Amino acid sequence: MKAGVRPIGYYSDGLLFEDGSKIEADVIVFATGYDNDSRRIVSEFTGRGIADQMQECGGVDAEGEIRGLFMPTGRKSHLETCHFTS
């Protein structure tokens, strides 16, 4: 694992970084972050007004169901299912 230095290429046994260092690896995984808060993402496109009408989406609710997957989000669209299945 390495942070703060940009990867610039692959070689047969691993990854090459911009500072010249190399890491040998069998598998390379880019963990760039994940944000499952659809309300924040929607607010970037539509503004807070619409996003504030949505219920929490993502994660698991008290019944063990994925929030917003097949339940209303407070809007008449099915944005959450399109995002999940597309």
Protein backbone atom coordinates (compact mmCIF):
# COMPACT_ATOMS: atom_id res chain seq x y z
CA MET A 1 0.00 0.00 0.00
CA LYS A 2 1.30 3.45 -0.91
CA ALA A 3 -0.24 6.91 -0.67
CA GLY A 4 0.86 10.40 -1.66
CA VAL A 5 2.74 9.35 -4.79
CA ARG A 6 1.01 9.00 -8.14
CA PRO A 7 1.28 5.69 -10.00
CA ILE A 8 2.56 6.24 -13.54
CA GLY A 9 2.81 2.75 -14.98
CA TYR A 10 2.78 -0.98 -14.63
CA TYR A 11 5.60 -3.42 -15.04
CA SER A 12 5.54 -7.22 -15.16
CA ASP A 13 5.68 -7.65 -11.37
CA GLY A 14 3.95 -4.58 -10.02
CA LEU A 15 3.46 -0.83 -10.14
CA LEU A 16 5.82 2.09 -10.88
CA PHE A 17 5.43 5.48 -9.14
CA GLU A 18 6.38 9.02 -10.21
CA ASP A 19 9.15 9.15 -7.59
CA GLY A 20 10.81 6.15 -9.27
CA SER A 21 9.83 3.67 -6.58
CA LYS A 22 8.26 0.34 -7.42
CA ILE A 23 5.99 -2.01 -5.55
CA GLU A 24 5.90 -5.68 -6.43
CA ALA A 25 2.38 -7.05 -6.47
CA ASP A 26 0.31 -9.96 -7.69
CA VAL A 27 -2.84 -7.83 -7.62
CA ILE A 28 -3.29 -4.05 -7.87
CA VAL A 29 -6.44 -2.48 -6.42
CA PHE A 30 -7.16 1.22 -6.80
CA ALA A 31 -9.18 2.28 -3.74
CA THR A 32 -10.31 5.74 -4.76
CA GLY A 33 -13.11 6.08 -2.25
CA TYR A 34 -16.81 5.38 -2.37
CA ASP A 35 -19.66 7.67 -1.49
CA ASN A 36 -23.05 6.01 -1.28
CA ASP A 37 -24.93 9.09 -0.09
CA SER A 38 -27.19 9.67 -3.10
CA ARG A 39 -28.53 12.84 -1.50
CA ARG A 40 -25.11 14.51 -1.66
CA ILE A 41 -24.57 13.36 -5.24
CA VAL A 42 -28.06 14.50 -6.33
CA SER A 43 -27.54 17.89 -4.66
CA GLU A 44 -24.51 18.52 -6.90
CA PHE A 45 -26.78 18.35 -9.96
CA THR A 46 -30.13 19.62 -8.71
CA GLY A 47 -29.38 21.62 -5.58
CA ARG A 48 -30.18 20.88 -1.94
CA GLY A 49 -33.92 21.47 -2.36
CA ILE A 50 -34.55 18.23 -4.22
CA ALA A 51 -31.89 16.25 -2.38
CA ASP A 52 -33.42 17.22 0.98
CA GLN A 53 -36.69 15.59 -0.12
CA MET A 54 -34.96 12.22 -0.52
CA GLN A 55 -34.74 9.65 2.25
CA GLU A 56 -31.37 8.18 3.20
CA CYS A 57 -30.14 5.83 0.49
CA GLY A 58 -27.42 3.21 0.71
CA GLY A 59 -26.29 1.10 3.59
CA VAL A 60 -28.64 -1.21 5.45
CA ASP A 61 -31.82 -0.23 7.32
CA ALA A 62 -33.12 -1.70 10.61
CA GLU A 63 -34.77 -4.57 8.71
CA GLY A 64 -31.56 -5.52 6.95
CA GLU A 65 -32.70 -4.14 3.58
CA ILE A 66 -30.52 -1.90 1.40
CA ARG A 67 -31.87 1.63 1.92
CA GLY A 68 -33.47 3.15 -1.16
CA LEU A 69 -32.93 0.13 -3.40
CA PHE A 70 -36.56 -0.74 -4.04
CA MET A 71 -38.24 1.72 -1.72
CA PRO A 72 -39.38 5.29 -2.32
CA THR A 73 -36.75 7.96 -1.83
CA GLY A 74 -39.25 10.78 -1.43
CA ARG A 75 -39.18 11.67 -5.12
CA LYS A 76 -41.35 10.33 -7.96
CA SER A 77 -38.30 9.10 -9.92
CA HIS A 78 -36.40 5.87 -9.44
CA LEU A 79 -32.94 7.43 -9.53
CA GLU A 80 -31.60 5.10 -6.85
CA THR A 81 -32.50 1.91 -8.76
CA CYS A 82 -31.12 3.31 -12.01
CA HIS A 83 -27.84 4.13 -10.26
CA PHE A 84 -27.63 0.70 -8.63
CA THR A 85 -28.47 -1.38 -11.71
CA SER A 86 -26.90 0.64 -14.51
